[in-house]
Every structure is written in C-alpha cells, then in structure tokens.
Protein backbone atom coordinates (compact mmCIF):
# COMPACT_ATOMS: atom_id res chain seq x y z
CA MET A 1 81.30 -19.87 -66.90
CA ALA A 2 79.04 -18.60 -64.14
CA LEU A 3 78.64 -14.89 -63.58
CA ALA A 4 79.70 -13.45 -60.24
CA TYR A 5 76.93 -12.30 -57.90
CA LYS A 6 77.87 -8.63 -58.25
CA THR A 7 77.92 -8.90 -62.05
CA ARG A 8 74.53 -10.64 -62.13
CA LYS A 9 73.07 -7.99 -59.83
CA ARG A 10 74.30 -5.16 -62.05
CA LEU A 11 73.18 -6.95 -65.21
CA ALA A 12 69.72 -7.59 -63.70
CA LEU A 13 69.39 -3.91 -62.81
CA ALA A 14 70.42 -2.87 -66.33
CA ILE A 15 67.91 -5.29 -67.84
CA LEU A 16 65.11 -4.00 -65.63
CA MET A 17 65.95 -0.32 -66.16
CA LEU A 18 66.77 -0.38 -69.89
CA GLY A 19 65.78 -3.70 -71.42
CA VAL A 20 62.23 -4.09 -70.16
CA PRO A 21 61.05 -0.59 -71.20
CA LEU A 22 62.64 -1.11 -74.61
CA TYR A 23 60.96 -4.53 -74.86
CA ILE A 24 57.59 -2.95 -74.01
CA VAL A 25 57.98 -0.34 -76.76
CA VAL A 26 58.94 -3.03 -79.29
CA ALA A 27 56.04 -5.30 -78.24
CA VAL A 28 53.46 -2.50 -78.48
CA THR A 29 54.87 -1.43 -81.87
CA VAL A 30 54.77 -4.95 -83.29
CA VAL A 31 51.21 -5.56 -82.04
CA GLY A 32 50.22 -2.17 -83.51
CA TRP A 33 51.33 -3.28 -87.00
CA PHE A 34 48.46 -5.76 -87.16
CA GLU A 35 44.77 -5.07 -87.27
CA ARG A 36 43.53 -4.65 -83.71
CA PRO A 37 42.20 -7.97 -82.40
CA GLY A 38 39.44 -8.32 -79.84
CA PHE A 39 40.08 -7.14 -76.29
CA LEU A 40 40.62 -10.60 -74.81
CA VAL A 41 42.94 -11.70 -77.63
CA GLU A 42 44.97 -8.50 -77.27
CA LEU A 43 45.13 -8.98 -73.50
CA LEU A 44 46.34 -12.56 -73.99
CA ILE A 45 49.04 -11.38 -76.43
CA TYR A 46 50.32 -8.81 -73.92
CA ILE A 47 50.26 -11.34 -71.06
CA ILE A 48 52.28 -13.83 -73.12
CA LEU A 49 54.75 -11.14 -74.22
CA GLY A 50 54.98 -9.94 -70.61
CA VAL A 51 56.07 -13.36 -69.39
CA ILE A 52 58.14 -14.59 -72.33
CA TRP A 53 61.00 -12.08 -71.90
CA ALA A 54 62.00 -13.54 -68.54
CA PHE A 55 62.68 -17.12 -69.63
CA PRO A 56 65.94 -16.49 -71.52
CA LEU A 57 67.14 -14.20 -68.69
CA LYS A 58 66.23 -16.53 -65.83
CA PHE A 59 69.88 -17.28 -65.01
CA VAL A 60 70.57 -13.57 -64.44
CA PHE A 61 67.76 -13.06 -61.94
CA LYS A 62 68.14 -16.35 -60.06
CA GLY A 63 69.28 -15.67 -56.48
CA ILE A 64 69.55 -11.88 -56.78
CA GLY A 65 67.31 -11.30 -53.75
CA GLN A 66 69.49 -13.52 -51.55
CA PRO A 67 72.52 -12.32 -49.56
CA ASP A 68 75.83 -12.27 -51.41
CA PRO A 69 77.22 -15.84 -51.25
CA ASP A 70 80.78 -14.53 -51.75
CA ALA A 71 80.66 -12.25 -48.71
C-alpha cells in the first residue's frame, strides 16, 4: 500500500523535525560509550551514521520536492 503524497510529506517533515535530532543524540551517546578513537576514525563513524538513517526511509522522501501528483 503506497502512502498518499500528503501523508508522505507530513511524515517526512515529522522525521526531519523529530527523528533526525533524536537519531543524532542516540548516535553521539553510543559513540561516547566507547573509548574515543582517532579523529579520522571518529569522523568516518559520524559520516556513516549520518548517511545510514536515510536508506530505510527513502520511500518517504522520494518525490516530496515535486508538485502534488494528485492535484
């Protein structure tokens, strides 16, 4: 079942406003549990974590910037 454009737009906004900040806090907390790695390793970890969240949510963000196809 495909989500309607309006629903996807609202869900994308909720993810960006609530989910991403929460994800950032969780990622920083989890990385903080371990002994601090070197700068480049830590940077690589944050880059990977910064990209990985979007893959499962790709279907929500696909086509959001386009005009409403139902209109």
